[in-house]
Amino acid sequence: MNTNRLSKTLAAALNAQMTKEAHASQIYLSYAAWADKEGFGGIANFLFRHAQEERNHMMKLLEYILKRGAEVKVTAIPAPPENPVSVNNCFEKVFEHEVDNTKAVYKLVKMSLDEEDWATWNFMQWFVKEQTEEETLAMNLLDKIKIAGGEKVSSNSLYSLDRDLETTPDDAKAAQDVTADNP
């Protein structure tokens, strides 16, 4: 008896997203190692934590595929892109990567809607919210760097940012969670 509850196309797309999340983890890991080598221990800590978060996203997808009775296909992960050339460039690359990942998530949501796979559509809503938070977090960091001078950021500002990111929460407040009393 076939207990697979995912179409072949949706199972393939979910497996591809699982690999994309593993790749994201490798990107954050690579950038964290770069930041640490450059002397930015707080930024490295922040990026190492995000590498683990992306791996958790990968595992969430893996578990979903298994629980829906489909086959998980673990494939090779592409190498991360070149190291950043500056802290500003690092977070520009992070933002661009998150936007790319959001587009992939949206394609999965649309695919599940088109196939009327409501379980997958519902499952993917967590990722929609997560990507909104990830993009907001990256935008907020870019804003801080921009205020501090962008590519011409001072050493004092980089020191402060490095210290802040060591203990900064790993998520941003989503717009749907904001109220007039708690902006």
N, C-alpha and C. Protein backbone atom coordinates (compact mmCIF):
# COMPACT_ATOMS: atom_id res chain seq x y z
N MET A 1 0.84 -1.19 0.00
CA MET A 1 0.00 0.00 0.00
C MET A 1 0.88 1.25 0.00
N ASN A 2 0.59 2.16 -0.88
CA ASN A 2 1.35 3.40 -0.99
C ASN A 2 0.80 4.41 0.02
N THR A 3 1.63 4.84 0.95
CA THR A 3 1.20 5.81 1.97
C THR A 3 1.77 7.21 1.72
N ASN A 4 2.41 7.41 0.56
CA ASN A 4 2.97 8.72 0.22
C ASN A 4 1.83 9.72 -0.01
N ARG A 5 1.88 10.84 0.71
CA ARG A 5 0.83 11.86 0.60
C ARG A 5 1.31 13.11 -0.15
N LEU A 6 2.50 13.04 -0.75
CA LEU A 6 3.03 14.17 -1.53
C LEU A 6 3.11 13.80 -3.00
N SER A 7 2.76 14.73 -3.86
CA SER A 7 2.95 14.50 -5.29
C SER A 7 4.45 14.43 -5.58
N LYS A 8 4.80 13.85 -6.72
CA LYS A 8 6.21 13.77 -7.08
C LYS A 8 6.83 15.16 -7.21
N THR A 9 6.09 16.08 -7.79
CA THR A 9 6.65 17.43 -7.99
C THR A 9 6.82 18.16 -6.66
N LEU A 10 5.86 18.00 -5.77
CA LEU A 10 5.97 18.67 -4.47
C LEU A 10 7.06 18.02 -3.61
N ALA A 11 7.16 16.70 -3.65
CA ALA A 11 8.23 16.01 -2.91
C ALA A 11 9.60 16.46 -3.43
N ALA A 12 9.74 16.58 -4.75
CA ALA A 12 11.01 17.02 -5.33
C ALA A 12 11.32 18.46 -4.91
N ALA A 13 10.31 19.31 -4.90
CA ALA A 13 10.51 20.71 -4.52
C ALA A 13 10.87 20.84 -3.04
N LEU A 14 10.23 20.04 -2.20
CA LEU A 14 10.55 20.06 -0.76
C LEU A 14 11.97 19.55 -0.52
N ASN A 15 12.37 18.52 -1.25
CA ASN A 15 13.74 18.02 -1.15
C ASN A 15 14.74 19.09 -1.61
N ALA A 16 14.40 19.80 -2.67
CA ALA A 16 15.28 20.88 -3.15
C ALA A 16 15.39 21.99 -2.11
N GLN A 17 14.28 22.31 -1.45
CA GLN A 17 14.31 23.34 -0.41
C GLN A 17 15.13 22.86 0.79
N MET A 18 15.03 21.58 1.09
CA MET A 18 15.84 21.02 2.18
C MET A 18 17.33 21.23 1.87
N THR A 19 17.73 20.98 0.63
CA THR A 19 19.12 21.20 0.23
C THR A 19 19.47 22.68 0.28
N LYS A 20 18.53 23.52 -0.10
CA LYS A 20 18.75 24.98 -0.07
C LYS A 20 18.99 25.44 1.37
N GLU A 21 18.27 24.88 2.32
CA GLU A 21 18.47 25.24 3.73
C GLU A 21 19.83 24.75 4.22
N ALA A 22 20.25 23.56 3.77
CA ALA A 22 21.58 23.06 4.13
C ALA A 22 22.66 23.97 3.55
N HIS A 23 22.43 24.43 2.33
CA HIS A 23 23.37 25.36 1.70
C HIS A 23 23.41 26.68 2.48
N ALA A 24 22.26 27.15 2.91
CA ALA A 24 22.21 28.38 3.71
C ALA A 24 23.03 28.22 4.98
N SER A 25 22.93 27.07 5.61
CA SER A 25 23.71 26.80 6.81
C SER A 25 25.20 26.89 6.50
N GLN A 26 25.61 26.34 5.36
CA GLN A 26 27.02 26.40 4.97
C GLN A 26 27.47 27.83 4.69
N ILE A 27 26.58 28.64 4.11
CA ILE A 27 26.92 30.04 3.84
C ILE A 27 27.15 30.78 5.15
N TYR A 28 26.22 30.63 6.09
CA TYR A 28 26.39 31.29 7.39
C TYR A 28 27.65 30.78 8.09
N LEU A 29 27.90 29.50 7.99
CA LEU A 29 29.09 28.92 8.61
C LEU A 29 30.37 29.53 8.00
N SER A 30 30.39 29.64 6.69
CA SER A 30 31.53 30.21 6.00
C SER A 30 31.74 31.68 6.38
N TYR A 31 30.66 32.45 6.41
CA TYR A 31 30.76 33.87 6.76
C TYR A 31 31.15 34.03 8.24
N ALA A 32 30.69 33.13 9.08
CA ALA A 32 31.07 33.18 10.50
C ALA A 32 32.56 32.94 10.66
N ALA A 33 33.07 31.96 9.93
CA ALA A 33 34.51 31.67 10.00
C ALA A 33 35.31 32.88 9.50
N TRP A 34 34.81 33.50 8.42
CA TRP A 34 35.47 34.71 7.91
C TRP A 34 35.48 35.81 8.97
N ALA A 35 34.30 36.06 9.59
CA ALA A 35 34.19 37.12 10.60
C ALA A 35 35.13 36.85 11.77
N ASP A 36 35.19 35.61 12.21
CA ASP A 36 36.07 35.27 13.32
C ASP A 36 37.54 35.51 12.95
N LYS A 37 37.92 35.10 11.76
CA LYS A 37 39.29 35.32 11.29
C LYS A 37 39.62 36.80 11.23
N GLU A 38 38.63 37.63 10.91
CA GLU A 38 38.83 39.09 10.82
C GLU A 38 38.80 39.75 12.20
N GLY A 39 38.54 38.97 13.25
CA GLY A 39 38.55 39.51 14.61
C GLY A 39 37.20 39.93 15.14
N PHE A 40 36.13 39.61 14.42
CA PHE A 40 34.78 39.98 14.84
C PHE A 40 34.09 38.79 15.51
N GLY A 41 34.48 38.51 16.75
CA GLY A 41 33.95 37.35 17.47
C GLY A 41 32.45 37.42 17.70
N GLY A 42 31.92 38.60 17.97
CA GLY A 42 30.47 38.75 18.20
C GLY A 42 29.68 38.50 16.93
N ILE A 43 30.16 39.06 15.82
CA ILE A 43 29.50 38.84 14.53
C ILE A 43 29.60 37.37 14.17
N ALA A 44 30.76 36.76 14.41
CA ALA A 44 30.93 35.33 14.13
C ALA A 44 29.95 34.51 14.96
N ASN A 45 29.81 34.84 16.23
CA ASN A 45 28.87 34.12 17.10
C ASN A 45 27.46 34.21 16.55
N PHE A 46 27.06 35.40 16.16
CA PHE A 46 25.74 35.63 15.57
C PHE A 46 25.55 34.76 14.32
N LEU A 47 26.55 34.73 13.44
CA LEU A 47 26.46 33.97 12.20
C LEU A 47 26.52 32.46 12.45
N PHE A 48 27.32 32.02 13.42
CA PHE A 48 27.34 30.60 13.78
C PHE A 48 25.96 30.15 14.28
N ARG A 49 25.31 31.00 15.09
CA ARG A 49 23.97 30.66 15.57
C ARG A 49 22.99 30.55 14.40
N HIS A 50 23.15 31.43 13.42
CA HIS A 50 22.26 31.37 12.25
C HIS A 50 22.55 30.16 11.37
N ALA A 51 23.79 29.73 11.34
CA ALA A 51 24.11 28.50 10.62
C ALA A 51 23.34 27.33 11.22
N GLN A 52 23.30 27.27 12.54
CA GLN A 52 22.55 26.20 13.21
C GLN A 52 21.05 26.34 12.97
N GLU A 53 20.56 27.56 12.96
CA GLU A 53 19.13 27.79 12.70
C GLU A 53 18.76 27.29 11.30
N GLU A 54 19.60 27.55 10.32
CA GLU A 54 19.32 27.08 8.96
C GLU A 54 19.35 25.56 8.90
N ARG A 55 20.25 24.95 9.65
CA ARG A 55 20.27 23.48 9.70
C ARG A 55 18.98 22.95 10.32
N ASN A 56 18.48 23.64 11.33
CA ASN A 56 17.20 23.26 11.92
C ASN A 56 16.08 23.35 10.90
N HIS A 57 16.12 24.36 10.03
CA HIS A 57 15.10 24.48 8.97
C HIS A 57 15.19 23.27 8.04
N MET A 58 16.42 22.87 7.71
CA MET A 58 16.63 21.70 6.87
C MET A 58 15.99 20.47 7.52
N MET A 59 16.22 20.30 8.82
CA MET A 59 15.67 19.15 9.53
C MET A 59 14.15 19.19 9.59
N LYS A 60 13.59 20.37 9.72
CA LYS A 60 12.13 20.52 9.74
C LYS A 60 11.55 20.01 8.41
N LEU A 61 12.18 20.38 7.30
CA LEU A 61 11.72 19.91 6.00
C LEU A 61 11.91 18.40 5.85
N LEU A 62 13.05 17.89 6.29
CA LEU A 62 13.31 16.46 6.21
C LEU A 62 12.23 15.68 6.96
N GLU A 63 11.96 16.11 8.17
CA GLU A 63 10.93 15.43 8.98
C GLU A 63 9.55 15.49 8.33
N TYR A 64 9.22 16.62 7.74
CA TYR A 64 7.91 16.75 7.09
C TYR A 64 7.79 15.78 5.91
N ILE A 65 8.83 15.74 5.09
CA ILE A 65 8.82 14.83 3.94
C ILE A 65 8.61 13.39 4.41
N LEU A 66 9.35 13.00 5.45
CA LEU A 66 9.20 11.64 5.99
C LEU A 66 7.80 11.40 6.54
N LYS A 67 7.29 12.34 7.30
CA LYS A 67 5.97 12.17 7.93
C LYS A 67 4.84 12.14 6.90
N ARG A 68 5.08 12.68 5.71
CA ARG A 68 4.07 12.62 4.65
C ARG A 68 4.24 11.38 3.78
N GLY A 69 5.21 10.53 4.16
CA GLY A 69 5.38 9.25 3.48
C GLY A 69 6.19 9.30 2.20
N ALA A 70 6.83 10.42 1.93
CA ALA A 70 7.64 10.54 0.71
C ALA A 70 9.10 10.20 1.01
N GLU A 71 9.89 10.13 -0.04
CA GLU A 71 11.30 9.79 0.10
C GLU A 71 12.14 11.05 0.24
N VAL A 72 13.02 11.05 1.23
CA VAL A 72 14.00 12.13 1.39
C VAL A 72 15.18 11.80 0.50
N LYS A 73 15.63 12.80 -0.24
CA LYS A 73 16.79 12.63 -1.10
C LYS A 73 17.85 13.65 -0.68
N VAL A 74 18.88 13.15 -0.03
CA VAL A 74 19.98 13.99 0.41
C VAL A 74 20.95 14.11 -0.76
N THR A 75 21.19 15.33 -1.16
CA THR A 75 22.08 15.58 -2.30
C THR A 75 23.24 16.47 -1.88
N ALA A 76 24.19 16.63 -2.77
CA ALA A 76 25.37 17.46 -2.50
C ALA A 76 24.95 18.92 -2.28
N ILE A 77 25.67 19.56 -1.39
CA ILE A 77 25.44 20.97 -1.10
C ILE A 77 26.46 21.78 -1.88
N PRO A 78 26.02 22.81 -2.61
CA PRO A 78 26.99 23.65 -3.32
C PRO A 78 27.93 24.35 -2.33
N ALA A 79 29.11 24.67 -2.80
CA ALA A 79 30.05 25.42 -1.97
C ALA A 79 29.49 26.81 -1.72
N PRO A 80 29.80 27.39 -0.56
CA PRO A 80 29.35 28.76 -0.31
C PRO A 80 30.04 29.73 -1.27
N PRO A 81 29.45 30.90 -1.47
CA PRO A 81 30.09 31.90 -2.32
C PRO A 81 31.37 32.43 -1.69
N GLU A 82 32.05 33.28 -2.41
CA GLU A 82 33.28 33.89 -1.91
C GLU A 82 33.03 34.60 -0.58
N ASN A 83 34.06 34.68 0.23
CA ASN A 83 33.96 35.40 1.49
C ASN A 83 33.63 36.86 1.26
N PRO A 84 32.97 37.48 2.21
CA PRO A 84 32.73 38.92 2.10
C PRO A 84 34.05 39.69 2.13
N VAL A 85 33.98 40.94 1.68
CA VAL A 85 35.18 41.78 1.70
C VAL A 85 35.12 42.80 2.85
N SER A 86 33.94 42.87 3.50
CA SER A 86 33.76 43.80 4.62
C SER A 86 32.55 43.35 5.41
N VAL A 87 32.37 43.93 6.58
CA VAL A 87 31.18 43.61 7.39
C VAL A 87 29.92 44.06 6.64
N ASN A 88 29.96 45.23 6.03
CA ASN A 88 28.82 45.71 5.26
C ASN A 88 28.50 44.72 4.14
N ASN A 89 29.51 44.30 3.39
CA ASN A 89 29.32 43.35 2.31
C ASN A 89 28.79 42.01 2.82
N CYS A 90 29.23 41.61 4.00
CA CYS A 90 28.75 40.36 4.61
C CYS A 90 27.23 40.40 4.78
N PHE A 91 26.75 41.49 5.36
CA PHE A 91 25.31 41.56 5.62
C PHE A 91 24.50 41.87 4.37
N GLU A 92 25.12 42.50 3.36
CA GLU A 92 24.45 42.64 2.06
C GLU A 92 24.25 41.25 1.45
N LYS A 93 25.29 40.42 1.53
CA LYS A 93 25.21 39.06 0.99
C LYS A 93 24.18 38.23 1.76
N VAL A 94 24.15 38.40 3.08
CA VAL A 94 23.16 37.68 3.89
C VAL A 94 21.75 38.08 3.46
N PHE A 95 21.53 39.38 3.31
CA PHE A 95 20.20 39.85 2.89
C PHE A 95 19.82 39.29 1.52
N GLU A 96 20.72 39.37 0.56
CA GLU A 96 20.45 38.84 -0.79
C GLU A 96 20.13 37.35 -0.74
N HIS A 97 20.87 36.63 0.08
CA HIS A 97 20.61 35.19 0.21
C HIS A 97 19.22 34.93 0.80
N GLU A 98 18.86 35.69 1.82
CA GLU A 98 17.55 35.50 2.45
C GLU A 98 16.42 35.83 1.48
N VAL A 99 16.58 36.88 0.67
CA VAL A 99 15.57 37.22 -0.33
C VAL A 99 15.42 36.07 -1.33
N ASP A 100 16.53 35.51 -1.77
CA ASP A 100 16.50 34.37 -2.69
C ASP A 100 15.78 33.18 -2.05
N ASN A 101 16.05 32.94 -0.78
CA ASN A 101 15.39 31.84 -0.08
C ASN A 101 13.89 32.10 0.06
N THR A 102 13.52 33.35 0.30
CA THR A 102 12.10 33.70 0.40
C THR A 102 11.39 33.37 -0.91
N LYS A 103 12.01 33.71 -2.03
CA LYS A 103 11.40 33.41 -3.33
C LYS A 103 11.17 31.91 -3.49
N ALA A 104 12.13 31.10 -3.05
CA ALA A 104 11.98 29.65 -3.14
C ALA A 104 10.84 29.15 -2.25
N VAL A 105 10.73 29.73 -1.06
CA VAL A 105 9.63 29.37 -0.15
C VAL A 105 8.29 29.72 -0.79
N TYR A 106 8.20 30.90 -1.37
CA TYR A 106 6.95 31.33 -2.02
C TYR A 106 6.56 30.40 -3.16
N LYS A 107 7.55 29.90 -3.90
CA LYS A 107 7.24 28.95 -4.99
C LYS A 107 6.63 27.67 -4.42
N LEU A 108 7.16 27.22 -3.29
CA LEU A 108 6.60 26.03 -2.65
C LEU A 108 5.18 26.28 -2.16
N VAL A 109 4.95 27.45 -1.60
CA VAL A 109 3.61 27.79 -1.14
C VAL A 109 2.64 27.80 -2.32
N LYS A 110 3.05 28.42 -3.42
CA LYS A 110 2.18 28.48 -4.61
C LYS A 110 1.94 27.09 -5.16
N MET A 111 2.98 26.28 -5.21
CA MET A 111 2.83 24.91 -5.71
C MET A 111 1.84 24.12 -4.84
N SER A 112 1.96 24.25 -3.53
CA SER A 112 1.04 23.52 -2.66
C SER A 112 -0.39 24.05 -2.80
N LEU A 113 -0.54 25.35 -3.03
CA LEU A 113 -1.87 25.93 -3.28
C LEU A 113 -2.44 25.40 -4.59
N ASP A 114 -1.64 25.42 -5.65
CA ASP A 114 -2.09 24.94 -6.96
C ASP A 114 -2.49 23.47 -6.91
N GLU A 115 -1.77 22.67 -6.12
CA GLU A 115 -2.06 21.24 -6.02
C GLU A 115 -3.14 20.95 -4.97
N GLU A 116 -3.57 21.99 -4.29
CA GLU A 116 -4.55 21.85 -3.20
C GLU A 116 -4.07 20.87 -2.13
N ASP A 117 -2.78 20.94 -1.86
CA ASP A 117 -2.18 20.15 -0.78
C ASP A 117 -2.17 21.06 0.45
N TRP A 118 -3.26 21.03 1.18
CA TRP A 118 -3.46 21.99 2.27
C TRP A 118 -2.52 21.71 3.45
N ALA A 119 -2.15 20.45 3.64
CA ALA A 119 -1.20 20.14 4.72
C ALA A 119 0.14 20.80 4.44
N THR A 120 0.62 20.69 3.21
CA THR A 120 1.90 21.31 2.87
C THR A 120 1.77 22.83 2.87
N TRP A 121 0.67 23.35 2.36
CA TRP A 121 0.45 24.79 2.37
C TRP A 121 0.52 25.31 3.81
N ASN A 122 -0.15 24.61 4.72
CA ASN A 122 -0.13 25.00 6.13
C ASN A 122 1.27 24.90 6.71
N PHE A 123 1.97 23.82 6.42
CA PHE A 123 3.34 23.62 6.90
C PHE A 123 4.24 24.76 6.44
N MET A 124 4.10 25.16 5.20
CA MET A 124 4.97 26.18 4.62
C MET A 124 4.71 27.57 5.20
N GLN A 125 3.57 27.78 5.85
CA GLN A 125 3.31 29.10 6.44
C GLN A 125 4.33 29.44 7.53
N TRP A 126 4.82 28.44 8.22
CA TRP A 126 5.87 28.68 9.22
C TRP A 126 7.09 29.29 8.53
N PHE A 127 7.45 28.76 7.36
CA PHE A 127 8.60 29.25 6.63
C PHE A 127 8.37 30.66 6.09
N VAL A 128 7.14 30.96 5.69
CA VAL A 128 6.81 32.31 5.23
C VAL A 128 7.08 33.31 6.36
N LYS A 129 6.58 32.99 7.54
CA LYS A 129 6.79 33.88 8.69
C LYS A 129 8.28 33.97 9.03
N GLU A 130 8.96 32.85 9.01
CA GLU A 130 10.38 32.82 9.32
C GLU A 130 11.19 33.67 8.34
N GLN A 131 10.86 33.58 7.06
CA GLN A 131 11.59 34.37 6.06
C GLN A 131 11.33 35.87 6.24
N THR A 132 10.13 36.23 6.64
CA THR A 132 9.84 37.63 6.92
C THR A 132 10.74 38.12 8.05
N GLU A 133 10.87 37.31 9.09
CA GLU A 133 11.75 37.65 10.22
C GLU A 133 13.21 37.73 9.78
N GLU A 134 13.65 36.77 8.96
CA GLU A 134 15.05 36.74 8.51
C GLU A 134 15.37 37.98 7.68
N GLU A 135 14.49 38.33 6.76
CA GLU A 135 14.73 39.52 5.94
C GLU A 135 14.73 40.78 6.80
N THR A 136 13.80 40.87 7.73
CA THR A 136 13.73 42.05 8.61
C THR A 136 15.00 42.17 9.44
N LEU A 137 15.47 41.07 9.98
CA LEU A 137 16.70 41.08 10.77
C LEU A 137 17.88 41.56 9.94
N ALA A 138 18.01 41.04 8.71
CA ALA A 138 19.11 41.46 7.84
C ALA A 138 18.98 42.93 7.46
N MET A 139 17.76 43.39 7.18
CA MET A 139 17.55 44.81 6.86
C MET A 139 17.92 45.70 8.04
N ASN A 140 17.53 45.28 9.24
CA ASN A 140 17.86 46.07 10.44
C ASN A 140 19.36 46.18 10.64
N LEU A 141 20.08 45.09 10.39
CA LEU A 141 21.54 45.12 10.52
C LEU A 141 22.16 46.03 9.45
N LEU A 142 21.65 45.95 8.25
CA LEU A 142 22.14 46.84 7.18
C LEU A 142 21.87 48.30 7.52
N ASP A 143 20.70 48.56 8.11
CA ASP A 143 20.37 49.94 8.52
C ASP A 143 21.37 50.45 9.55
N LYS A 144 21.70 49.60 10.52
CA LYS A 144 22.67 50.00 11.56
C LYS A 144 24.03 50.30 10.94
N ILE A 145 24.45 49.45 10.03
CA ILE A 145 25.74 49.65 9.38
C ILE A 145 25.70 50.92 8.51
N LYS A 146 24.59 51.13 7.83
CA LYS A 146 24.44 52.33 7.00
C LYS A 146 24.55 53.59 7.86
N ILE A 147 23.86 53.61 8.99
CA ILE A 147 23.91 54.76 9.91
C ILE A 147 25.34 54.98 10.39
N ALA A 148 26.07 53.88 10.60
CA ALA A 148 27.45 53.97 11.10
C ALA A 148 28.46 54.32 10.01
N GLY A 149 27.99 54.39 8.74
CA GLY A 149 28.90 54.79 7.67
C GLY A 149 29.00 53.82 6.51
N GLY A 150 28.23 52.74 6.53
CA GLY A 150 28.26 51.78 5.41
C GLY A 150 29.64 51.18 5.23
N GLU A 151 30.16 51.23 4.02
CA GLU A 151 31.50 50.69 3.74
C GLU A 151 32.58 51.48 4.48
N LYS A 152 32.27 52.71 4.85
CA LYS A 152 33.26 53.55 5.54
C LYS A 152 33.03 53.57 7.06
N VAL A 153 32.39 52.53 7.56
CA VAL A 153 32.08 52.44 8.98
C VAL A 153 33.37 52.55 9.81
N SER A 154 33.27 53.27 10.91
CA SER A 154 34.46 53.48 11.76
C SER A 154 34.77 52.22 12.58
N SER A 155 36.00 52.15 13.03
CA SER A 155 36.41 51.03 13.88
C SER A 155 35.59 50.99 15.17
N ASN A 156 35.30 52.16 15.73
CA ASN A 156 34.51 52.22 16.97
C ASN A 156 33.10 51.66 16.74
N SER A 157 32.51 52.02 15.61
CA SER A 157 31.17 51.52 15.29
C SER A 157 31.18 50.02 15.06
N LEU A 158 32.21 49.52 14.37
CA LEU A 158 32.32 48.07 14.15
C LEU A 158 32.51 47.34 15.48
N TYR A 159 33.27 47.93 16.36
CA TYR A 159 33.47 47.34 17.69
C TYR A 159 32.14 47.24 18.42
N SER A 160 31.36 48.31 18.38
CA SER A 160 30.05 48.31 19.04
C SER A 160 29.11 47.29 18.41
N LEU A 161 29.08 47.25 17.09
CA LEU A 161 28.22 46.28 16.40
C LEU A 161 28.63 44.86 16.75
N ASP A 162 29.93 44.61 16.76
CA ASP A 162 30.44 43.28 17.11
C ASP A 162 29.98 42.88 18.51
N ARG A 163 30.11 43.79 19.45
CA ARG A 163 29.68 43.52 20.84
C ARG A 163 28.17 43.30 20.91
N ASP A 164 27.41 44.12 20.20
CA ASP A 164 25.95 43.99 20.20
C ASP A 164 25.50 42.64 19.64
N LEU A 165 26.11 42.21 18.54
CA LEU A 165 25.67 40.99 17.88
C LEU A 165 26.01 39.73 18.67
N GLU A 166 26.93 39.85 19.59
CA GLU A 166 27.26 38.70 20.43
C GLU A 166 26.06 38.26 21.25
N THR A 167 25.22 39.23 21.63
CA THR A 167 24.07 38.92 22.51
C THR A 167 22.73 39.29 21.88
N THR A 168 22.71 39.79 20.65
CA THR A 168 21.47 40.16 19.99
C THR A 168 20.59 38.93 19.78
N PRO A 169 19.29 39.04 20.05
CA PRO A 169 18.40 37.91 19.75
C PRO A 169 18.47 37.53 18.28
N ASP A 170 18.22 36.28 17.99
CA ASP A 170 18.36 35.77 16.63
C ASP A 170 17.12 35.95 15.78
N ASP A 171 16.16 36.68 16.28
CA ASP A 171 14.96 36.90 15.47
C ASP A 171 14.52 38.36 15.58
N ALA A 172 13.68 38.74 14.65
CA ALA A 172 13.12 40.09 14.65
C ALA A 172 11.63 39.96 14.89
N LYS A 173 11.05 40.98 15.50
CA LYS A 173 9.61 40.96 15.74
C LYS A 173 8.88 41.10 14.41
N ALA A 174 7.99 40.17 14.12
CA ALA A 174 7.23 40.20 12.89
C ALA A 174 6.15 41.28 12.96
N ALA A 175 5.83 41.86 11.82
CA ALA A 175 4.84 42.94 11.79
C ALA A 175 3.49 42.48 12.34
N GLN A 176 3.10 41.25 12.11
CA GLN A 176 1.80 40.77 12.58
C GLN A 176 1.76 40.60 14.10
N ASP A 177 2.94 40.66 14.75
CA ASP A 177 2.98 40.53 16.21
C ASP A 177 3.03 41.87 16.93
N VAL A 178 3.05 42.95 16.17
CA VAL A 178 3.15 44.29 16.74
C VAL A 178 1.77 44.84 17.03
N THR A 179 1.66 45.56 18.14
CA THR A 179 0.41 46.26 18.49
C THR A 179 0.74 47.70 18.81
N ALA A 180 -0.28 48.52 18.96
CA ALA A 180 -0.07 49.92 19.33
C ALA A 180 0.58 50.02 20.72
N ASP A 181 0.26 49.07 21.59
CA ASP A 181 0.83 49.06 22.94
C ASP A 181 2.23 48.46 22.98
N ASN A 182 2.56 47.65 22.00
CA ASN A 182 3.84 46.95 21.99
C ASN A 182 4.42 47.00 20.57
N PRO A 183 4.94 48.18 20.15
CA PRO A 183 5.41 48.33 18.77
C PRO A 183 6.68 47.55 18.48
